[in-house]
Amino acid sequence: MKRVAIESGLTPIREYLSREGFQVEDLNNSTANQNQGQYSAILISGKDRNMMGMEDIVHNCPVINCDGLTPEQVCDRLNRLPQ
């Protein structure tokens, strides 16, 4: 089972992935820093994107910007990730 962390506000994607068998957890600063190596991916809305293109946290897993994607498209991207 793939485990993903998801930013708040992505309820349709959260619900769809849960129905598809993914373990979906809330993304917050503590989960991102403490559990980053345990997730298959981190899902973000893209609305709080850093305009300078700089990141403060280095993630050991893919980060998927869900802006403009349907739940089905997000699920497809997750299923294409290496195990």
N, C-alpha and C. Protein backbone atom coordinates (compact mmCIF):
# COMPACT_ATOMS: atom_id res chain seq x y z
N MET A 1 0.84 -1.17 0.00
CA MET A 1 0.00 0.00 0.00
C MET A 1 0.89 1.24 0.00
N LYS A 2 0.59 2.17 -0.88
CA LYS A 2 1.36 3.41 -0.94
C LYS A 2 0.84 4.38 0.11
N ARG A 3 1.78 5.05 0.77
CA ARG A 3 1.47 6.03 1.80
C ARG A 3 1.81 7.41 1.26
N VAL A 4 0.84 8.32 1.32
CA VAL A 4 1.06 9.68 0.83
C VAL A 4 0.66 10.69 1.89
N ALA A 5 1.34 11.83 1.87
CA ALA A 5 0.97 12.97 2.71
C ALA A 5 0.34 14.00 1.79
N ILE A 6 -0.78 14.58 2.23
CA ILE A 6 -1.52 15.49 1.37
C ILE A 6 -1.83 16.79 2.10
N GLU A 7 -1.65 17.88 1.39
CA GLU A 7 -1.92 19.21 1.92
C GLU A 7 -3.43 19.39 2.11
N SER A 8 -3.81 20.18 3.09
CA SER A 8 -5.23 20.44 3.32
C SER A 8 -5.81 21.17 2.11
N GLY A 9 -7.09 21.01 1.90
CA GLY A 9 -7.75 21.65 0.77
C GLY A 9 -7.85 20.77 -0.46
N LEU A 10 -7.27 19.59 -0.42
CA LEU A 10 -7.32 18.67 -1.56
C LEU A 10 -8.27 17.51 -1.26
N THR A 11 -9.43 17.84 -0.70
CA THR A 11 -10.38 16.83 -0.24
C THR A 11 -10.82 15.85 -1.33
N PRO A 12 -11.17 16.30 -2.54
CA PRO A 12 -11.57 15.32 -3.56
C PRO A 12 -10.46 14.31 -3.87
N ILE A 13 -9.22 14.78 -3.90
CA ILE A 13 -8.10 13.88 -4.17
C ILE A 13 -7.89 12.93 -3.00
N ARG A 14 -7.97 13.47 -1.78
CA ARG A 14 -7.85 12.65 -0.57
C ARG A 14 -8.88 11.52 -0.57
N GLU A 15 -10.12 11.85 -0.83
CA GLU A 15 -11.20 10.86 -0.81
C GLU A 15 -11.01 9.81 -1.91
N TYR A 16 -10.63 10.25 -3.09
CA TYR A 16 -10.44 9.33 -4.20
C TYR A 16 -9.30 8.35 -3.90
N LEU A 17 -8.18 8.87 -3.42
CA LEU A 17 -7.04 8.00 -3.14
C LEU A 17 -7.36 7.02 -2.01
N SER A 18 -8.11 7.45 -1.02
CA SER A 18 -8.51 6.54 0.07
C SER A 18 -9.35 5.40 -0.48
N ARG A 19 -10.27 5.72 -1.38
CA ARG A 19 -11.10 4.67 -1.99
C ARG A 19 -10.27 3.72 -2.85
N GLU A 20 -9.17 4.23 -3.41
CA GLU A 20 -8.30 3.41 -4.26
C GLU A 20 -7.28 2.61 -3.46
N GLY A 21 -7.31 2.71 -2.13
CA GLY A 21 -6.45 1.88 -1.30
C GLY A 21 -5.17 2.54 -0.81
N PHE A 22 -5.01 3.83 -1.03
CA PHE A 22 -3.83 4.54 -0.54
C PHE A 22 -4.01 4.88 0.93
N GLN A 23 -2.91 4.89 1.67
CA GLN A 23 -2.91 5.40 3.05
C GLN A 23 -2.63 6.89 2.94
N VAL A 24 -3.63 7.71 3.29
CA VAL A 24 -3.53 9.15 3.10
C VAL A 24 -3.45 9.83 4.46
N GLU A 25 -2.42 10.68 4.64
CA GLU A 25 -2.22 11.38 5.90
C GLU A 25 -2.12 12.88 5.65
N ASP A 26 -2.49 13.66 6.66
CA ASP A 26 -2.39 15.12 6.56
C ASP A 26 -0.93 15.55 6.47
N LEU A 27 -0.69 16.52 5.61
CA LEU A 27 0.65 17.10 5.50
C LEU A 27 0.71 18.34 6.36
N ASN A 28 1.64 18.33 7.28
CA ASN A 28 1.94 19.53 8.05
C ASN A 28 3.45 19.55 8.29
N ASN A 29 3.94 20.58 8.91
CA ASN A 29 5.40 20.71 9.06
C ASN A 29 6.02 19.54 9.80
N SER A 30 5.35 19.05 10.84
CA SER A 30 5.95 17.95 11.61
C SER A 30 5.95 16.65 10.81
N THR A 31 4.88 16.34 10.09
CA THR A 31 4.88 15.10 9.32
C THR A 31 5.85 15.18 8.16
N ALA A 32 5.95 16.34 7.54
CA ALA A 32 6.87 16.48 6.41
C ALA A 32 8.31 16.28 6.84
N ASN A 33 8.67 16.78 7.99
CA ASN A 33 10.05 16.66 8.45
C ASN A 33 10.35 15.31 9.08
N GLN A 34 9.42 14.76 9.86
CA GLN A 34 9.68 13.53 10.60
C GLN A 34 9.50 12.27 9.76
N ASN A 35 8.56 12.28 8.82
CA ASN A 35 8.20 11.05 8.12
C ASN A 35 8.49 11.09 6.62
N GLN A 36 9.24 12.07 6.16
CA GLN A 36 9.37 12.25 4.72
C GLN A 36 9.89 11.03 3.98
N GLY A 37 10.75 10.24 4.59
CA GLY A 37 11.28 9.07 3.92
C GLY A 37 10.33 7.90 3.89
N GLN A 38 9.22 8.02 4.59
CA GLN A 38 8.25 6.93 4.67
C GLN A 38 7.09 7.08 3.70
N TYR A 39 7.05 8.19 2.96
CA TYR A 39 5.95 8.43 2.02
C TYR A 39 6.35 8.04 0.60
N SER A 40 5.38 7.57 -0.16
CA SER A 40 5.59 7.35 -1.59
C SER A 40 5.65 8.68 -2.32
N ALA A 41 4.88 9.67 -1.80
CA ALA A 41 4.86 11.01 -2.40
C ALA A 41 4.23 11.99 -1.42
N ILE A 42 4.51 13.25 -1.65
CA ILE A 42 3.87 14.34 -0.93
C ILE A 42 3.06 15.11 -1.95
N LEU A 43 1.78 15.34 -1.66
CA LEU A 43 0.88 16.00 -2.59
C LEU A 43 0.58 17.42 -2.09
N ILE A 44 0.84 18.40 -2.95
CA ILE A 44 0.62 19.79 -2.58
C ILE A 44 -0.38 20.43 -3.54
N SER A 45 -1.01 21.51 -3.08
CA SER A 45 -2.00 22.20 -3.91
C SER A 45 -1.34 23.15 -4.90
N GLY A 46 -0.13 23.61 -4.60
CA GLY A 46 0.55 24.55 -5.48
C GLY A 46 0.16 25.99 -5.23
N LYS A 47 -0.79 26.23 -4.34
CA LYS A 47 -1.26 27.60 -4.07
C LYS A 47 -0.30 28.39 -3.21
N ASP A 48 0.49 27.71 -2.38
CA ASP A 48 1.44 28.40 -1.51
C ASP A 48 2.84 28.31 -2.06
N ARG A 49 2.97 28.22 -3.33
CA ARG A 49 4.25 28.02 -3.99
C ARG A 49 5.19 29.20 -3.75
N ASN A 50 6.41 28.91 -3.49
CA ASN A 50 7.42 29.92 -3.25
C ASN A 50 7.74 30.61 -4.57
N MET A 51 7.50 31.90 -4.64
CA MET A 51 7.68 32.64 -5.89
C MET A 51 9.16 32.72 -6.33
N MET A 52 10.08 32.57 -5.40
CA MET A 52 11.49 32.62 -5.75
C MET A 52 12.02 31.25 -6.18
N GLY A 53 11.20 30.22 -6.06
CA GLY A 53 11.61 28.89 -6.45
C GLY A 53 12.56 28.23 -5.47
N MET A 54 12.59 28.72 -4.24
CA MET A 54 13.48 28.16 -3.23
C MET A 54 12.69 27.29 -2.27
N GLU A 55 13.28 26.21 -1.84
CA GLU A 55 12.66 25.28 -0.90
C GLU A 55 13.47 25.23 0.38
N ASP A 56 12.77 25.20 1.51
CA ASP A 56 13.44 25.12 2.81
C ASP A 56 13.66 23.68 3.26
N ILE A 57 12.85 22.76 2.75
CA ILE A 57 12.90 21.38 3.20
C ILE A 57 13.32 20.50 2.03
N VAL A 58 14.22 19.59 2.27
CA VAL A 58 14.62 18.62 1.25
C VAL A 58 13.83 17.35 1.52
N HIS A 59 13.09 16.88 0.52
CA HIS A 59 12.27 15.69 0.68
C HIS A 59 12.96 14.49 0.05
N ASN A 60 12.79 13.34 0.67
CA ASN A 60 13.35 12.10 0.15
C ASN A 60 12.32 11.34 -0.66
N CYS A 61 11.32 12.04 -1.15
CA CYS A 61 10.29 11.40 -1.95
C CYS A 61 9.75 12.42 -2.95
N PRO A 62 9.04 11.97 -3.98
CA PRO A 62 8.51 12.89 -4.98
C PRO A 62 7.47 13.84 -4.36
N VAL A 63 7.45 15.05 -4.87
CA VAL A 63 6.43 16.03 -4.51
C VAL A 63 5.61 16.27 -5.76
N ILE A 64 4.30 16.05 -5.66
CA ILE A 64 3.42 16.21 -6.81
C ILE A 64 2.56 17.44 -6.58
N ASN A 65 2.65 18.40 -7.51
CA ASN A 65 1.81 19.59 -7.48
C ASN A 65 0.48 19.20 -8.14
N CYS A 66 -0.59 19.21 -7.36
CA CYS A 66 -1.90 18.75 -7.83
C CYS A 66 -2.72 19.84 -8.50
N ASP A 67 -2.16 21.04 -8.61
CA ASP A 67 -2.89 22.15 -9.21
C ASP A 67 -3.29 21.81 -10.64
N GLY A 68 -4.58 21.82 -10.91
CA GLY A 68 -5.09 21.55 -12.25
C GLY A 68 -5.25 20.08 -12.59
N LEU A 69 -4.93 19.18 -11.66
CA LEU A 69 -5.04 17.74 -11.92
C LEU A 69 -6.32 17.19 -11.32
N THR A 70 -6.92 16.22 -11.99
CA THR A 70 -8.07 15.52 -11.44
C THR A 70 -7.58 14.46 -10.46
N PRO A 71 -8.44 13.97 -9.59
CA PRO A 71 -8.04 12.88 -8.70
C PRO A 71 -7.52 11.67 -9.46
N GLU A 72 -8.12 11.39 -10.60
CA GLU A 72 -7.69 10.25 -11.41
C GLU A 72 -6.28 10.46 -11.95
N GLN A 73 -5.95 11.68 -12.36
CA GLN A 73 -4.62 11.98 -12.87
C GLN A 73 -3.57 11.86 -11.76
N VAL A 74 -3.91 12.32 -10.56
CA VAL A 74 -2.99 12.20 -9.44
C VAL A 74 -2.75 10.72 -9.13
N CYS A 75 -3.81 9.94 -9.11
CA CYS A 75 -3.70 8.51 -8.84
C CYS A 75 -2.83 7.84 -9.90
N ASP A 76 -3.00 8.21 -11.15
CA ASP A 76 -2.19 7.65 -12.23
C ASP A 76 -0.71 7.97 -12.03
N ARG A 77 -0.41 9.20 -11.63
CA ARG A 77 1.00 9.58 -11.39
C ARG A 77 1.58 8.77 -10.22
N LEU A 78 0.78 8.58 -9.19
CA LEU A 78 1.24 7.80 -8.04
C LEU A 78 1.49 6.35 -8.43
N ASN A 79 0.61 5.80 -9.25
CA ASN A 79 0.76 4.40 -9.65
C ASN A 79 1.97 4.18 -10.57
N ARG A 80 2.45 5.25 -11.22
CA ARG A 80 3.62 5.14 -12.08
C ARG A 80 4.93 5.30 -11.33
N LEU A 81 4.86 5.67 -10.05
CA LEU A 81 6.09 5.81 -9.25
C LEU A 81 6.69 4.45 -8.97
N PRO A 82 8.01 4.37 -8.90
CA PRO A 82 8.64 3.10 -8.53
C PRO A 82 8.22 2.68 -7.12
N GLN A 83 8.16 1.40 -6.90
CA GLN A 83 7.74 0.88 -5.59
C GLN A 83 8.75 1.14 -4.54
